[in-house]
Amino acid sequence: MRSLARVLFVCTANECRSPFAEALARQLAAEADLPISFESAGLDAWRRPTPDVGRLHARERGLDLDQHVSRSVPWDDLGVYDVLLPLARSHSRELVAVDPSVRPRLFTVKQFARWLADHPRPRRAAIGPWLDVVAADRPASELIGASSADDVADPIGRPIEEWRAMSADLDPAISAILTGLFPQR
């Protein structure tokens, strides 16, 4: 049996961006039969569902967020993840402030998509240990993202068009991440 790489998407409350990213990544990885698993969590989570508008948009995309309930970042277990992918630079700053050891494995979603274009994973390299070596010396600006363009807009409390814009923002980034992590596929 193949060992699954573990990825954690992180946003503010785990009600919109991170669960949507998780569902989209799961769908794409399953279609390609990739050995990777995805979870999501929030810096502040209150065990709430994805809002109705978000669930509606997920169904439009063939994703199921109907059973999603927000969960908090597992602060004591961040080291079990091969990659931590916050949806905004502020999330990156908070994660690394709490646990500096995650630095090599921490990227904003959009920043990781760009970084992987220049650093595709070698075929047999385990993802987490590979990042521990090749990403350890990244400058702080790369760690947290270079600009506000590295943030995925928060659609919470907004109309469905904002949810569609969020998912359109995530599509190319998640596709690029999967291609960069599994270039041989």
N, C-alpha and C. Protein backbone atom coordinates (compact mmCIF):
# COMPACT_ATOMS: atom_id res chain seq x y z
N MET A 1 0.83 -1.19 0.00
CA MET A 1 0.00 0.00 0.00
C MET A 1 0.88 1.25 0.00
N ARG A 2 0.49 2.23 -0.81
CA ARG A 2 1.25 3.47 -0.90
C ARG A 2 1.03 4.34 0.32
N SER A 3 2.09 5.01 0.74
CA SER A 3 1.99 5.97 1.84
C SER A 3 1.41 7.27 1.29
N LEU A 4 0.44 7.79 1.97
CA LEU A 4 -0.19 9.03 1.52
C LEU A 4 0.50 10.24 2.10
N ALA A 5 0.82 11.18 1.24
CA ALA A 5 1.29 12.48 1.70
C ALA A 5 0.09 13.20 2.30
N ARG A 6 0.33 14.03 3.30
CA ARG A 6 -0.77 14.74 3.98
C ARG A 6 -0.61 16.25 3.81
N VAL A 7 -1.70 16.87 3.39
CA VAL A 7 -1.72 18.31 3.17
C VAL A 7 -2.84 18.91 4.01
N LEU A 8 -2.55 20.04 4.66
CA LEU A 8 -3.55 20.75 5.45
C LEU A 8 -3.75 22.14 4.87
N PHE A 9 -4.98 22.44 4.44
CA PHE A 9 -5.37 23.78 4.03
C PHE A 9 -5.85 24.52 5.27
N VAL A 10 -5.44 25.78 5.41
CA VAL A 10 -5.80 26.56 6.60
C VAL A 10 -6.38 27.91 6.19
N CYS A 11 -7.50 28.26 6.80
CA CYS A 11 -8.04 29.61 6.64
C CYS A 11 -8.47 30.12 8.02
N THR A 12 -9.27 31.13 8.04
CA THR A 12 -9.63 31.75 9.31
C THR A 12 -10.55 30.88 10.16
N ALA A 13 -11.68 30.48 9.60
CA ALA A 13 -12.68 29.77 10.40
C ALA A 13 -13.02 28.38 9.88
N ASN A 14 -12.41 27.96 8.78
CA ASN A 14 -12.66 26.64 8.19
C ASN A 14 -14.13 26.47 7.81
N GLU A 15 -14.70 27.54 7.28
CA GLU A 15 -16.09 27.49 6.83
C GLU A 15 -16.21 27.69 5.33
N CYS A 16 -15.21 28.29 4.69
CA CYS A 16 -15.36 28.58 3.27
C CYS A 16 -14.12 28.22 2.45
N ARG A 17 -13.05 28.99 2.55
CA ARG A 17 -11.90 28.79 1.66
C ARG A 17 -11.21 27.45 1.86
N SER A 18 -10.83 27.13 3.08
CA SER A 18 -10.07 25.88 3.27
C SER A 18 -10.90 24.63 3.01
N PRO A 19 -12.18 24.55 3.42
CA PRO A 19 -12.92 23.34 3.06
C PRO A 19 -13.16 23.24 1.56
N PHE A 20 -13.33 24.38 0.90
CA PHE A 20 -13.51 24.35 -0.55
C PHE A 20 -12.23 23.87 -1.22
N ALA A 21 -11.08 24.38 -0.77
CA ALA A 21 -9.80 23.93 -1.33
C ALA A 21 -9.61 22.44 -1.08
N GLU A 22 -9.95 21.99 0.11
CA GLU A 22 -9.84 20.56 0.43
C GLU A 22 -10.70 19.72 -0.51
N ALA A 23 -11.95 20.10 -0.69
CA ALA A 23 -12.86 19.33 -1.54
C ALA A 23 -12.39 19.32 -2.99
N LEU A 24 -11.95 20.46 -3.47
CA LEU A 24 -11.46 20.54 -4.84
C LEU A 24 -10.20 19.69 -5.03
N ALA A 25 -9.26 19.79 -4.10
CA ALA A 25 -8.02 19.01 -4.19
C ALA A 25 -8.31 17.51 -4.10
N ARG A 26 -9.21 17.13 -3.22
CA ARG A 26 -9.58 15.70 -3.11
C ARG A 26 -10.14 15.19 -4.44
N GLN A 27 -11.02 15.99 -5.03
CA GLN A 27 -11.63 15.58 -6.29
C GLN A 27 -10.57 15.40 -7.38
N LEU A 28 -9.70 16.38 -7.53
CA LEU A 28 -8.66 16.31 -8.57
C LEU A 28 -7.67 15.17 -8.31
N ALA A 29 -7.28 14.98 -7.06
CA ALA A 29 -6.34 13.90 -6.73
C ALA A 29 -6.98 12.53 -6.95
N ALA A 30 -8.24 12.39 -6.61
CA ALA A 30 -8.93 11.11 -6.82
C ALA A 30 -9.04 10.79 -8.31
N GLU A 31 -9.35 11.80 -9.10
CA GLU A 31 -9.45 11.59 -10.55
C GLU A 31 -8.13 11.10 -11.14
N ALA A 32 -7.01 11.57 -10.58
CA ALA A 32 -5.68 11.20 -11.08
C ALA A 32 -5.06 10.05 -10.30
N ASP A 33 -5.77 9.52 -9.30
CA ASP A 33 -5.29 8.43 -8.45
C ASP A 33 -3.92 8.76 -7.83
N LEU A 34 -3.85 9.92 -7.20
CA LEU A 34 -2.60 10.37 -6.59
C LEU A 34 -2.54 9.97 -5.11
N PRO A 35 -1.36 9.58 -4.63
CA PRO A 35 -1.20 9.16 -3.23
C PRO A 35 -1.04 10.36 -2.29
N ILE A 36 -2.12 11.06 -2.08
CA ILE A 36 -2.09 12.27 -1.26
C ILE A 36 -3.46 12.44 -0.61
N SER A 37 -3.45 12.93 0.63
CA SER A 37 -4.71 13.18 1.32
C SER A 37 -4.77 14.65 1.74
N PHE A 38 -5.97 15.15 1.88
CA PHE A 38 -6.18 16.56 2.19
C PHE A 38 -7.11 16.70 3.38
N GLU A 39 -6.80 17.69 4.20
CA GLU A 39 -7.65 18.08 5.32
C GLU A 39 -7.71 19.60 5.32
N SER A 40 -8.61 20.13 6.12
CA SER A 40 -8.68 21.58 6.27
C SER A 40 -8.99 21.92 7.72
N ALA A 41 -8.60 23.12 8.09
CA ALA A 41 -8.81 23.57 9.47
C ALA A 41 -8.78 25.09 9.49
N GLY A 42 -9.24 25.65 10.61
CA GLY A 42 -9.26 27.10 10.76
C GLY A 42 -8.49 27.54 11.98
N LEU A 43 -7.95 28.74 11.90
CA LEU A 43 -7.26 29.31 13.05
C LEU A 43 -8.25 29.53 14.18
N ASP A 44 -9.47 29.89 13.82
CA ASP A 44 -10.57 30.07 14.78
C ASP A 44 -11.76 29.30 14.21
N ALA A 45 -12.04 28.14 14.74
CA ALA A 45 -13.15 27.34 14.22
C ALA A 45 -14.15 27.09 15.34
N TRP A 46 -15.43 27.18 14.99
CA TRP A 46 -16.49 27.07 15.99
C TRP A 46 -17.47 25.95 15.67
N ARG A 47 -17.00 24.91 14.98
CA ARG A 47 -17.84 23.76 14.64
C ARG A 47 -19.12 24.20 13.93
N ARG A 48 -18.94 25.05 12.92
CA ARG A 48 -20.06 25.51 12.11
C ARG A 48 -19.96 24.92 10.71
N PRO A 49 -21.10 24.81 10.04
CA PRO A 49 -21.09 24.30 8.67
C PRO A 49 -20.67 25.39 7.68
N THR A 50 -20.44 24.96 6.47
CA THR A 50 -20.25 25.90 5.38
C THR A 50 -21.60 26.60 5.17
N PRO A 51 -21.62 27.90 4.96
CA PRO A 51 -22.89 28.60 4.74
C PRO A 51 -23.66 28.03 3.54
N ASP A 52 -24.97 28.25 3.54
CA ASP A 52 -25.83 27.72 2.47
C ASP A 52 -25.32 28.09 1.08
N VAL A 53 -24.92 29.35 0.90
CA VAL A 53 -24.45 29.79 -0.41
C VAL A 53 -23.20 29.02 -0.83
N GLY A 54 -22.34 28.71 0.12
CA GLY A 54 -21.14 27.93 -0.19
C GLY A 54 -21.46 26.50 -0.56
N ARG A 55 -22.41 25.91 0.15
CA ARG A 55 -22.81 24.54 -0.19
C ARG A 55 -23.47 24.50 -1.57
N LEU A 56 -24.26 25.53 -1.87
CA LEU A 56 -24.88 25.61 -3.19
C LEU A 56 -23.81 25.69 -4.28
N HIS A 57 -22.83 26.55 -4.08
CA HIS A 57 -21.77 26.67 -5.09
C HIS A 57 -20.96 25.37 -5.18
N ALA A 58 -20.70 24.74 -4.06
CA ALA A 58 -19.99 23.45 -4.11
C ALA A 58 -20.75 22.46 -4.97
N ARG A 59 -22.06 22.39 -4.80
CA ARG A 59 -22.87 21.46 -5.62
C ARG A 59 -22.77 21.83 -7.10
N GLU A 60 -22.73 23.13 -7.40
CA GLU A 60 -22.54 23.57 -8.80
C GLU A 60 -21.25 22.98 -9.38
N ARG A 61 -20.24 22.85 -8.53
CA ARG A 61 -18.93 22.36 -8.96
C ARG A 61 -18.78 20.85 -8.81
N GLY A 62 -19.83 20.16 -8.38
CA GLY A 62 -19.74 18.72 -8.20
C GLY A 62 -19.00 18.34 -6.92
N LEU A 63 -18.95 19.25 -5.96
CA LEU A 63 -18.28 19.02 -4.68
C LEU A 63 -19.34 18.91 -3.59
N ASP A 64 -19.02 18.20 -2.53
CA ASP A 64 -19.97 18.02 -1.44
C ASP A 64 -19.42 18.63 -0.15
N LEU A 65 -20.01 19.73 0.27
CA LEU A 65 -19.66 20.33 1.55
C LEU A 65 -20.84 20.27 2.52
N ASP A 66 -21.84 19.47 2.18
CA ASP A 66 -23.05 19.40 3.00
C ASP A 66 -22.79 18.90 4.42
N GLN A 67 -21.82 18.02 4.60
CA GLN A 67 -21.55 17.47 5.92
C GLN A 67 -20.38 18.16 6.63
N HIS A 68 -19.79 19.15 5.98
CA HIS A 68 -18.63 19.81 6.57
C HIS A 68 -19.00 20.57 7.84
N VAL A 69 -18.17 20.39 8.85
CA VAL A 69 -18.25 21.16 10.10
C VAL A 69 -16.84 21.67 10.37
N SER A 70 -16.74 22.96 10.64
CA SER A 70 -15.41 23.55 10.82
C SER A 70 -14.67 22.92 12.00
N ARG A 71 -13.35 22.85 11.83
CA ARG A 71 -12.50 22.32 12.90
C ARG A 71 -11.29 23.23 13.05
N SER A 72 -10.72 23.19 14.22
CA SER A 72 -9.56 24.04 14.53
C SER A 72 -8.27 23.40 14.05
N VAL A 73 -7.29 24.25 13.80
CA VAL A 73 -5.96 23.77 13.46
C VAL A 73 -5.47 22.88 14.60
N PRO A 74 -4.94 21.70 14.27
CA PRO A 74 -4.39 20.82 15.31
C PRO A 74 -2.99 21.29 15.71
N TRP A 75 -2.94 22.31 16.54
CA TRP A 75 -1.68 22.99 16.86
C TRP A 75 -0.58 22.04 17.35
N ASP A 76 -0.93 21.02 18.08
CA ASP A 76 0.08 20.11 18.62
C ASP A 76 0.55 19.08 17.61
N ASP A 77 -0.10 19.00 16.47
CA ASP A 77 0.23 17.97 15.47
C ASP A 77 0.57 18.54 14.11
N LEU A 78 1.01 19.77 14.01
CA LEU A 78 1.32 20.35 12.70
C LEU A 78 2.43 19.58 11.99
N GLY A 79 3.31 18.97 12.74
CA GLY A 79 4.43 18.24 12.15
C GLY A 79 4.04 16.98 11.39
N VAL A 80 2.80 16.53 11.53
CA VAL A 80 2.39 15.32 10.81
C VAL A 80 2.07 15.61 9.35
N TYR A 81 1.95 16.89 9.00
CA TYR A 81 1.59 17.25 7.63
C TYR A 81 2.84 17.46 6.78
N ASP A 82 2.77 16.98 5.56
CA ASP A 82 3.87 17.17 4.62
C ASP A 82 3.89 18.59 4.07
N VAL A 83 2.70 19.19 3.95
CA VAL A 83 2.58 20.56 3.45
C VAL A 83 1.45 21.25 4.20
N LEU A 84 1.69 22.51 4.58
CA LEU A 84 0.67 23.36 5.18
C LEU A 84 0.38 24.47 4.18
N LEU A 85 -0.88 24.60 3.76
CA LEU A 85 -1.24 25.56 2.73
C LEU A 85 -2.31 26.53 3.21
N PRO A 86 -1.89 27.63 3.83
CA PRO A 86 -2.85 28.67 4.20
C PRO A 86 -3.41 29.35 2.96
N LEU A 87 -4.59 29.93 3.12
CA LEU A 87 -5.24 30.62 2.02
C LEU A 87 -4.91 32.11 2.00
N ALA A 88 -4.23 32.59 3.04
CA ALA A 88 -3.83 34.00 3.09
C ALA A 88 -2.51 34.13 3.84
N ARG A 89 -1.81 35.19 3.54
CA ARG A 89 -0.50 35.43 4.16
C ARG A 89 -0.60 35.58 5.67
N SER A 90 -1.69 36.17 6.14
CA SER A 90 -1.85 36.33 7.59
C SER A 90 -1.93 34.98 8.29
N HIS A 91 -2.50 33.99 7.64
CA HIS A 91 -2.57 32.64 8.21
C HIS A 91 -1.17 32.05 8.32
N SER A 92 -0.35 32.28 7.30
CA SER A 92 1.04 31.78 7.32
C SER A 92 1.80 32.37 8.50
N ARG A 93 1.65 33.66 8.69
CA ARG A 93 2.37 34.32 9.79
C ARG A 93 1.96 33.73 11.13
N GLU A 94 0.68 33.49 11.31
CA GLU A 94 0.22 32.94 12.59
C GLU A 94 0.72 31.52 12.80
N LEU A 95 0.69 30.71 11.76
CA LEU A 95 1.16 29.32 11.90
C LEU A 95 2.64 29.26 12.26
N VAL A 96 3.47 30.03 11.57
CA VAL A 96 4.91 29.98 11.83
C VAL A 96 5.24 30.63 13.17
N ALA A 97 4.44 31.58 13.61
CA ALA A 97 4.68 32.18 14.92
C ALA A 97 4.43 31.17 16.04
N VAL A 98 3.45 30.31 15.86
CA VAL A 98 3.14 29.30 16.88
C VAL A 98 4.12 28.14 16.81
N ASP A 99 4.50 27.74 15.59
CA ASP A 99 5.40 26.59 15.44
C ASP A 99 6.41 26.87 14.32
N PRO A 100 7.55 27.49 14.64
CA PRO A 100 8.55 27.81 13.63
C PRO A 100 9.11 26.60 12.89
N SER A 101 8.99 25.42 13.47
CA SER A 101 9.54 24.22 12.82
C SER A 101 8.82 23.87 11.52
N VAL A 102 7.63 24.41 11.29
CA VAL A 102 6.88 24.09 10.07
C VAL A 102 7.31 24.95 8.88
N ARG A 103 8.21 25.86 9.10
CA ARG A 103 8.61 26.83 8.08
C ARG A 103 8.88 26.22 6.70
N PRO A 104 9.69 25.16 6.56
CA PRO A 104 9.97 24.63 5.22
C PRO A 104 8.73 24.05 4.51
N ARG A 105 7.74 23.68 5.27
CA ARG A 105 6.55 23.03 4.69
C ARG A 105 5.37 23.98 4.57
N LEU A 106 5.58 25.25 4.83
CA LEU A 106 4.52 26.25 4.88
C LEU A 106 4.59 27.20 3.70
N PHE A 107 3.51 27.26 2.93
CA PHE A 107 3.39 28.13 1.76
C PHE A 107 1.94 28.59 1.67
N THR A 108 1.69 29.79 1.16
CA THR A 108 0.31 30.08 0.80
C THR A 108 0.00 29.22 -0.42
N VAL A 109 -1.27 28.95 -0.66
CA VAL A 109 -1.67 28.09 -1.78
C VAL A 109 -1.10 28.62 -3.10
N LYS A 110 -1.31 29.89 -3.36
CA LYS A 110 -0.85 30.45 -4.65
C LYS A 110 0.67 30.49 -4.73
N GLN A 111 1.32 30.78 -3.61
CA GLN A 111 2.77 30.84 -3.60
C GLN A 111 3.36 29.45 -3.87
N PHE A 112 2.77 28.41 -3.29
CA PHE A 112 3.26 27.05 -3.49
C PHE A 112 3.10 26.63 -4.95
N ALA A 113 1.98 27.01 -5.57
CA ALA A 113 1.78 26.70 -6.98
C ALA A 113 2.90 27.30 -7.83
N ARG A 114 3.27 28.54 -7.56
CA ARG A 114 4.36 29.18 -8.31
C ARG A 114 5.71 28.55 -7.99
N TRP A 115 5.95 28.28 -6.71
CA TRP A 115 7.23 27.72 -6.27
C TRP A 115 7.46 26.36 -6.91
N LEU A 116 6.43 25.54 -6.98
CA LEU A 116 6.58 24.20 -7.56
C LEU A 116 6.90 24.23 -9.05
N ALA A 117 6.51 25.30 -9.72
CA ALA A 117 6.85 25.41 -11.15
C ALA A 117 8.37 25.42 -11.34
N ASP A 118 9.08 25.97 -10.38
CA ASP A 118 10.55 26.01 -10.43
C ASP A 118 11.22 24.90 -9.64
N HIS A 119 10.45 24.18 -8.84
CA HIS A 119 11.01 23.14 -7.98
C HIS A 119 10.13 21.88 -8.02
N PRO A 120 9.96 21.25 -9.18
CA PRO A 120 9.13 20.04 -9.19
C PRO A 120 9.76 18.95 -8.32
N ARG A 121 8.92 18.22 -7.67
CA ARG A 121 9.38 17.16 -6.77
C ARG A 121 10.01 16.02 -7.57
N PRO A 122 11.20 15.58 -7.17
CA PRO A 122 11.79 14.40 -7.81
C PRO A 122 10.88 13.18 -7.62
N ARG A 123 10.89 12.32 -8.55
CA ARG A 123 9.96 11.19 -8.61
C ARG A 123 9.83 10.40 -7.32
N ARG A 124 10.90 10.03 -6.68
CA ARG A 124 10.83 9.16 -5.51
C ARG A 124 10.96 9.90 -4.17
N ALA A 125 11.05 11.20 -4.20
CA ALA A 125 11.23 11.96 -2.96
C ALA A 125 9.92 12.04 -2.17
N ALA A 126 10.00 11.71 -0.89
CA ALA A 126 8.85 11.90 -0.01
C ALA A 126 8.64 13.40 0.16
N ILE A 127 7.43 13.86 0.06
CA ILE A 127 7.14 15.29 -0.03
C ILE A 127 7.64 16.09 1.18
N GLY A 128 7.26 15.71 2.38
CA GLY A 128 7.67 16.47 3.56
C GLY A 128 9.18 16.55 3.74
N PRO A 129 9.87 15.41 3.76
CA PRO A 129 11.33 15.47 3.90
C PRO A 129 12.02 16.22 2.75
N TRP A 130 11.49 16.11 1.55
CA TRP A 130 12.04 16.85 0.41
C TRP A 130 11.93 18.36 0.67
N LEU A 131 10.74 18.81 1.12
CA LEU A 131 10.57 20.24 1.41
C LEU A 131 11.48 20.69 2.55
N ASP A 132 11.69 19.81 3.54
CA ASP A 132 12.56 20.16 4.65
C ASP A 132 13.96 20.53 4.17
N VAL A 133 14.38 19.95 3.06
CA VAL A 133 15.71 20.23 2.51
C VAL A 133 15.67 21.40 1.54
N VAL A 134 14.81 21.32 0.51
CA VAL A 134 14.87 22.32 -0.58
C VAL A 134 14.19 23.64 -0.24
N ALA A 135 13.30 23.66 0.73
CA ALA A 135 12.56 24.89 1.05
C ALA A 135 12.98 25.52 2.37
N ALA A 136 13.95 24.95 3.03
CA ALA A 136 14.33 25.41 4.37
C ALA A 136 14.89 26.83 4.40
N ASP A 137 15.58 27.23 3.37
CA ASP A 137 16.25 28.53 3.38
C ASP A 137 15.52 29.61 2.60
N ARG A 138 14.23 29.42 2.35
CA ARG A 138 13.47 30.45 1.63
C ARG A 138 13.45 31.75 2.42
N PRO A 139 13.53 32.87 1.72
CA PRO A 139 13.42 34.16 2.41
C PRO A 139 12.02 34.31 3.04
N ALA A 140 11.92 35.14 4.05
CA ALA A 140 10.64 35.34 4.74
C ALA A 140 9.56 35.81 3.77
N SER A 141 9.91 36.61 2.77
CA SER A 141 8.90 37.08 1.82
C SER A 141 8.29 35.91 1.04
N GLU A 142 9.08 34.89 0.77
CA GLU A 142 8.54 33.71 0.11
C GLU A 142 7.72 32.86 1.07
N LEU A 143 8.11 32.85 2.31
CA LEU A 143 7.39 32.07 3.31
C LEU A 143 5.95 32.55 3.44
N ILE A 144 5.76 33.84 3.50
CA ILE A 144 4.41 34.35 3.73
C ILE A 144 3.73 34.83 2.46
N GLY A 145 4.39 34.73 1.33
CA GLY A 145 3.81 35.23 0.10
C GLY A 145 4.32 36.64 -0.17
N ALA A 146 4.52 36.93 -1.41
CA ALA A 146 5.17 38.18 -1.77
C ALA A 146 4.22 39.38 -1.81
N SER A 147 2.93 39.13 -2.02
CA SER A 147 2.01 40.26 -2.15
C SER A 147 0.59 39.82 -1.82
N SER A 148 -0.30 40.79 -1.82
CA SER A 148 -1.70 40.47 -1.56
C SER A 148 -2.28 39.56 -2.64
N ALA A 149 -1.62 39.47 -3.78
CA ALA A 149 -2.06 38.54 -4.83
C ALA A 149 -1.91 37.09 -4.38
N ASP A 150 -1.17 36.85 -3.30
CA ASP A 150 -1.02 35.50 -2.77
C ASP A 150 -2.21 35.09 -1.89
N ASP A 151 -3.09 36.03 -1.58
CA ASP A 151 -4.26 35.74 -0.76
C ASP A 151 -5.44 35.32 -1.63
N VAL A 152 -6.22 34.37 -1.14
CA VAL A 152 -7.48 34.00 -1.77
C VAL A 152 -8.56 34.75 -1.00
N ALA A 153 -9.38 35.52 -1.71
CA ALA A 153 -10.39 36.36 -1.07
C ALA A 153 -11.40 35.52 -0.29
N ASP A 154 -11.77 36.04 0.86
CA ASP A 154 -12.72 35.38 1.75
C ASP A 154 -14.15 35.70 1.29
N PRO A 155 -14.94 34.68 0.89
CA PRO A 155 -16.30 34.94 0.41
C PRO A 155 -17.37 34.90 1.49
N ILE A 156 -16.98 34.69 2.74
CA ILE A 156 -17.98 34.53 3.81
C ILE A 156 -18.87 35.78 3.89
N GLY A 157 -20.18 35.55 3.96
CA GLY A 157 -21.14 36.64 4.04
C GLY A 157 -21.36 37.37 2.73
N ARG A 158 -20.86 36.84 1.65
CA ARG A 158 -20.96 37.49 0.35
C ARG A 158 -21.84 36.67 -0.60
N PRO A 159 -22.27 37.27 -1.71
CA PRO A 159 -23.12 36.55 -2.66
C PRO A 159 -22.36 35.44 -3.39
N ILE A 160 -23.11 34.60 -4.07
CA ILE A 160 -22.53 33.43 -4.73
C ILE A 160 -21.46 33.80 -5.74
N GLU A 161 -21.54 34.98 -6.35
CA GLU A 161 -20.52 35.40 -7.31
C GLU A 161 -19.14 35.47 -6.65
N GLU A 162 -19.10 35.84 -5.38
CA GLU A 162 -17.82 35.89 -4.66
C GLU A 162 -17.29 34.47 -4.40
N TRP A 163 -18.19 33.54 -4.18
CA TRP A 163 -17.79 32.14 -4.01
C TRP A 163 -17.26 31.59 -5.33
N ARG A 164 -17.90 31.96 -6.41
CA ARG A 164 -17.43 31.52 -7.74
C ARG A 164 -16.05 32.10 -8.03
N ALA A 165 -15.84 33.35 -7.66
CA ALA A 165 -14.53 33.97 -7.87
C ALA A 165 -13.47 33.28 -7.03
N MET A 166 -13.83 32.92 -5.79
CA MET A 166 -12.88 32.20 -4.92
C MET A 166 -12.49 30.87 -5.54
N SER A 167 -13.47 30.11 -6.00
CA SER A 167 -13.14 28.79 -6.57
C SER A 167 -12.38 28.94 -7.88
N ALA A 168 -12.70 29.96 -8.66
CA ALA A 168 -11.94 30.20 -9.89
C ALA A 168 -10.49 30.57 -9.57
N ASP A 169 -10.27 31.20 -8.45
CA ASP A 169 -8.92 31.54 -7.99
C ASP A 169 -8.17 30.28 -7.54
N LEU A 170 -8.88 29.36 -6.92
CA LEU A 170 -8.26 28.13 -6.42
C LEU A 170 -7.96 27.12 -7.52
N ASP A 171 -8.79 27.04 -8.55
CA ASP A 171 -8.64 26.02 -9.59
C ASP A 171 -7.23 25.91 -10.16
N PRO A 172 -6.68 26.99 -10.72
CA PRO A 172 -5.35 26.85 -11.33
C PRO A 172 -4.26 26.58 -10.29
N ALA A 173 -4.41 27.13 -9.10
CA ALA A 173 -3.39 26.92 -8.07
C ALA A 173 -3.35 25.46 -7.62
N ILE A 174 -4.50 24.89 -7.37
CA ILE A 174 -4.52 23.49 -6.91
C ILE A 174 -4.09 22.55 -8.03
N SER A 175 -4.50 22.83 -9.25
CA SER A 175 -4.04 22.01 -10.38
C SER A 175 -2.52 22.08 -10.51
N ALA A 176 -1.96 23.28 -10.39
CA ALA A 176 -0.51 23.44 -10.49
C ALA A 176 0.21 22.75 -9.35
N ILE A 177 -0.37 22.77 -8.16
CA ILE A 177 0.24 22.09 -7.02
C ILE A 177 0.30 20.58 -7.26
N LEU A 178 -0.79 20.00 -7.71
CA LEU A 178 -0.80 18.57 -7.97
C LEU A 178 0.16 18.20 -9.09
N THR A 179 0.24 19.03 -10.12
CA THR A 179 1.18 18.78 -11.21
C THR A 179 2.63 18.89 -10.72
N GLY A 180 2.91 19.88 -9.87
CA GLY A 180 4.26 20.06 -9.34
C GLY A 180 4.68 18.97 -8.40
N LEU A 181 3.72 18.46 -7.61
CA LEU A 181 4.05 17.40 -6.66
C LEU A 181 4.14 16.03 -7.34
N PHE A 182 3.42 15.88 -8.44
CA PHE A 182 3.41 14.60 -9.16
C PHE A 182 3.66 14.84 -10.65
N PRO A 183 4.85 15.36 -10.99
CA PRO A 183 5.14 15.72 -12.39
C PRO A 183 5.19 14.52 -13.33
N GLN A 184 5.39 13.35 -12.77
CA GLN A 184 5.50 12.16 -13.61
C GLN A 184 4.14 11.61 -14.02
N ARG A 185 3.07 12.16 -13.51
CA ARG A 185 1.72 11.65 -13.82
C ARG A 185 1.15 12.30 -15.04
